Amino acid sequence: MSKQEELSRMIKELRENVPDINGVLIATVDGLSIATDFSEDESARVAAMAASSIGLGNRISSTAEIGAMKDMMIEGRDGLLIMYMAGSAGVLALRAVDHANLGLIRLEGPKTARKAASIMES
C-alpha cells in the first residue's frame, strides 16, 4: 500500500471514529496538501494557511516560553479547526462542527497526527 493510500485510509478511519469531524487534511509544513477529504480548491487554501498558522504558533510558544506547541484551535461561529504537528514535517488539520465532542477529538487527533508522521517519515 502506498503512503497516499495509507493516509487516505487513516482519514477514513478517523472520520468513522469521530463523527463530529467533517474534514481532515494532512499537509507538509510548507503548505502542500498530501491527503484530504476537503474539496480540491479548499484543500490547497487550508493546507497553506494551516502550515502558516502552525509556524506562527510554534514561534509564539517559543517566545512566550510555554514549551513546544501541541495543537492550535480556531473556533468560528459554525465550527472548529484544530491543527496538530504531524512529526517535524507535517500538519494535521481537523474541521469539526460547532458542538463537537472536544474530548474525543483531543483523544483521537494526537494519535492520528503521530500515525500520519510515522507514515510520512517512513
C-alpha atoms as a PDB file:
ATOM      1  CA  MET A   1       0.000   0.000   0.000  1.00  0.00           C
ATOM      2  CA  SER A   2       1.361   3.445  -0.933  1.00  0.00           C
ATOM      3  CA  LYS A   3       1.789   6.246   1.607  1.00  0.00           C
ATOM      4  CA  GLN A   4      -1.071   8.126  -0.059  1.00  0.00           C
ATOM      5  CA  GLU A   5      -3.355   5.100   0.330  1.00  0.00           C
ATOM      6  CA  GLU A   6      -2.323   4.630   3.975  1.00  0.00           C
ATOM      7  CA  LEU A   7      -3.030   8.277   4.777  1.00  0.00           C
ATOM      8  CA  SER A   8      -6.385   8.149   2.968  1.00  0.00           C
ATOM      9  CA  ARG A   9      -7.338   5.010   4.916  1.00  0.00           C
ATOM     10  CA  MET A  10      -6.318   6.726   8.144  1.00  0.00           C
ATOM     11  CA  ILE A  11      -8.527   9.738   7.300  1.00  0.00           C
ATOM     12  CA  LYS A  12     -11.481   7.428   6.641  1.00  0.00           C
ATOM     13  CA  GLU A  13     -10.965   5.632   9.972  1.00  0.00           C
ATOM     14  CA  LEU A  14     -10.743   8.919  11.865  1.00  0.00           C
ATOM     15  CA  ARG A  15     -13.977  10.164  10.302  1.00  0.00           C
ATOM     16  CA  GLU A  16     -15.688   6.886  11.273  1.00  0.00           C
ATOM     17  CA  ASN A  17     -14.393   7.082  14.867  1.00  0.00           C
ATOM     18  CA  VAL A  18     -15.201  10.781  15.376  1.00  0.00           C
ATOM     19  CA  PRO A  19     -18.477  11.679  13.646  1.00  0.00           C
ATOM     20  CA  ASP A  20     -18.225  15.365  14.643  1.00  0.00           C
ATOM     21  CA  ILE A  21     -15.245  15.780  12.301  1.00  0.00           C
ATOM     22  CA  ASN A  22     -16.357  16.925   8.852  1.00  0.00           C
ATOM     23  CA  GLY A  23     -12.992  17.477   7.207  1.00  0.00           C
ATOM     24  CA  VAL A  24      -9.449  16.130   7.545  1.00  0.00           C
ATOM     25  CA  LEU A  25      -6.312  17.435   5.876  1.00  0.00           C
ATOM     26  CA  ILE A  26      -2.714  16.252   6.077  1.00  0.00           C
ATOM     27  CA  ALA A  27      -0.166  18.672   4.663  1.00  0.00           C
ATOM     28  CA  THR A  28       3.524  19.436   4.729  1.00  0.00           C
ATOM     29  CA  VAL A  29       4.808  22.304   6.867  1.00  0.00           C
ATOM     30  CA  ASP A  30       5.448  24.023   3.521  1.00  0.00           C
ATOM     31  CA  GLY A  31       1.691  24.040   2.870  1.00  0.00           C
ATOM     32  CA  LEU A  32       1.360  21.236   0.308  1.00  0.00           C
ATOM     33  CA  SER A  33      -1.746  19.078   0.717  1.00  0.00           C
ATOM     34  CA  ILE A  34      -0.803  15.381   0.914  1.00  0.00           C
ATOM     35  CA  ALA A  35      -4.096  13.659   1.771  1.00  0.00           C
ATOM     36  CA  THR A  36      -7.518  15.124   2.462  1.00  0.00           C
ATOM     37  CA  ASP A  37     -11.242  14.790   2.169  1.00  0.00           C
ATOM     38  CA  PHE A  38     -11.651  18.557   1.692  1.00  0.00           C
ATOM     39  CA  SER A  39     -12.531  19.730  -1.834  1.00  0.00           C
ATOM     40  CA  GLU A  40      -9.508  20.254  -4.102  1.00  0.00           C
ATOM     41  CA  ASP A  41      -9.744  24.054  -4.078  1.00  0.00           C
ATOM     42  CA  GLU A  42     -10.426  24.199  -0.350  1.00  0.00           C
ATOM     43  CA  SER A  43      -7.598  21.776   0.477  1.00  0.00           C
ATOM     44  CA  ALA A  44      -4.948  23.893  -1.242  1.00  0.00           C
ATOM     45  CA  ARG A  45      -6.008  27.018   0.640  1.00  0.00           C
ATOM     46  CA  VAL A  46      -6.444  25.316   4.018  1.00  0.00           C
ATOM     47  CA  ALA A  47      -3.097  23.483   3.672  1.00  0.00           C
ATOM     48  CA  ALA A  48      -1.232  26.724   3.039  1.00  0.00           C
ATOM     49  CA  MET A  49      -2.950  28.588   5.861  1.00  0.00           C
ATOM     50  CA  ALA A  50      -2.650  25.683   8.336  1.00  0.00           C
ATOM     51  CA  ALA A  51       1.080  25.447   7.673  1.00  0.00           C
ATOM     52  CA  SER A  52       1.470  29.201   8.210  1.00  0.00           C
ATOM     53  CA  SER A  53      -0.617  29.077  11.388  1.00  0.00           C
ATOM     54  CA  ILE A  54       1.376  26.173  12.824  1.00  0.00           C
ATOM     55  CA  GLY A  55       4.618  28.023  12.089  1.00  0.00           C
ATOM     56  CA  LEU A  56       3.310  31.122  13.841  1.00  0.00           C
ATOM     57  CA  GLY A  57       2.018  29.047  16.763  1.00  0.00           C
ATOM     58  CA  ASN A  58       5.442  27.468  17.200  1.00  0.00           C
ATOM     59  CA  ARG A  59       7.084  30.905  17.295  1.00  0.00           C
ATOM     60  CA  ILE A  60       4.535  32.235  19.788  1.00  0.00           C
ATOM     61  CA  SER A  61       5.002  29.181  22.054  1.00  0.00           C
ATOM     62  CA  SER A  62       8.743  29.691  21.990  1.00  0.00           C
ATOM     63  CA  THR A  63       8.557  33.448  22.587  1.00  0.00           C
ATOM     64  CA  ALA A  64       6.043  33.035  25.420  1.00  0.00           C
ATOM     65  CA  GLU A  65       8.234  30.290  26.917  1.00  0.00           C
ATOM     66  CA  ILE A  66       5.343  27.841  27.301  1.00  0.00           C
ATOM     67  CA  GLY A  67       7.103  24.840  25.791  1.00  0.00           C
ATOM     68  CA  ALA A  68       6.588  23.145  22.462  1.00  0.00           C
ATOM     69  CA  MET A  69       3.222  23.756  20.845  1.00  0.00           C
ATOM     70  CA  LYS A  70       0.940  20.700  20.947  1.00  0.00           C
ATOM     71  CA  ASP A  71      -2.012  21.961  18.956  1.00  0.00           C
ATOM     72  CA  MET A  72      -3.839  25.048  17.798  1.00  0.00           C
ATOM     73  CA  MET A  73      -7.596  25.582  17.654  1.00  0.00           C
ATOM     74  CA  ILE A  74      -9.601  28.194  15.786  1.00  0.00           C
ATOM     75  CA  GLU A  75     -13.229  28.440  16.830  1.00  0.00           C
ATOM     76  CA  GLY A  76     -15.649  30.038  14.404  1.00  0.00           C
ATOM     77  CA  ARG A  77     -19.399  30.573  14.597  1.00  0.00           C
ATOM     78  CA  ASP A  78     -20.114  27.454  12.579  1.00  0.00           C
ATOM     79  CA  GLY A  79     -17.330  25.115  13.612  1.00  0.00           C
ATOM     80  CA  LEU A  80     -13.770  24.466  14.676  1.00  0.00           C
ATOM     81  CA  LEU A  81     -10.431  23.897  13.018  1.00  0.00           C
ATOM     82  CA  ILE A  82      -7.892  22.077  15.168  1.00  0.00           C
ATOM     83  CA  MET A  83      -4.330  21.687  13.918  1.00  0.00           C
ATOM     84  CA  TYR A  84      -1.620  19.349  15.168  1.00  0.00           C
ATOM     85  CA  MET A  85       2.009  18.911  14.208  1.00  0.00           C
ATOM     86  CA  ALA A  86       2.477  15.553  12.463  1.00  0.00           C
ATOM     87  CA  GLY A  87       6.140  14.980  13.199  1.00  0.00           C
ATOM     88  CA  SER A  88       8.573  17.673  12.182  1.00  0.00           C
ATOM     89  CA  ALA A  89       7.425  17.939   8.571  1.00  0.00           C
ATOM     90  CA  GLY A  90       3.649  17.582   8.630  1.00  0.00           C
ATOM     91  CA  VAL A  91       0.421  19.194   9.786  1.00  0.00           C
ATOM     92  CA  LEU A  92      -2.902  17.525  10.562  1.00  0.00           C
ATOM     93  CA  ALA A  93      -5.955  19.811  10.354  1.00  0.00           C
ATOM     94  CA  LEU A  94      -9.352  18.661  11.598  1.00  0.00           C
ATOM     95  CA  ARG A  95     -12.533  20.588  10.826  1.00  0.00           C
ATOM     96  CA  ALA A  96     -15.437  19.886  13.173  1.00  0.00           C
ATOM     97  CA  VAL A  97     -18.987  21.019  13.801  1.00  0.00           C
ATOM     98  CA  ASP A  98     -19.593  23.780  16.348  1.00  0.00           C
ATOM     99  CA  HIS A  99     -20.977  21.416  19.017  1.00  0.00           C
ATOM    100  CA  ALA A 100     -18.199  18.841  18.582  1.00  0.00           C
ATOM    101  CA  ASN A 101     -17.101  16.479  21.340  1.00  0.00           C
ATOM    102  CA  LEU A 102     -13.717  18.094  22.019  1.00  0.00           C
ATOM    103  CA  GLY A 103     -12.704  15.343  24.434  1.00  0.00           C
ATOM    104  CA  LEU A 104     -12.956  12.721  21.704  1.00  0.00           C
ATOM    105  CA  ILE A 105     -11.253  14.956  19.149  1.00  0.00           C
ATOM    106  CA  ARG A 106      -8.396  15.729  21.562  1.00  0.00           C
ATOM    107  CA  LEU A 107      -8.023  11.995  22.193  1.00  0.00           C
ATOM    108  CA  GLU A 108      -8.035  10.901  18.546  1.00  0.00           C
ATOM    109  CA  GLY A 109      -6.345  13.945  16.970  1.00  0.00           C
ATOM    110  CA  PRO A 110      -2.876  13.497  18.506  1.00  0.00           C
ATOM    111  CA  LYS A 111      -2.949   9.735  17.852  1.00  0.00           C
ATOM    112  CA  THR A 112      -3.784  10.383  14.213  1.00  0.00           C
ATOM    113  CA  ALA A 113      -1.060  13.038  13.955  1.00  0.00           C
ATOM    114  CA  ARG A 114       1.506  10.527  15.284  1.00  0.00           C
ATOM    115  CA  LYS A 115       0.320   7.885  12.792  1.00  0.00           C
ATOM    116  CA  ALA A 116       0.495  10.405   9.937  1.00  0.00           C
ATOM    117  CA  ALA A 117       4.025  11.390  10.975  1.00  0.00           C
ATOM    118  CA  SER A 118       5.087   7.753  11.045  1.00  0.00           C
ATOM    119  CA  ILE A 119       3.690   7.141   7.559  1.00  0.00           C
ATOM    120  CA  MET A 120       5.174  10.339   6.086  1.00  0.00           C
ATOM    121  CA  GLU A 121       8.601   9.732   7.617  1.00  0.00           C
ATOM    122  CA  SER A 122       8.858   6.051   6.610  1.00  0.00           C
END
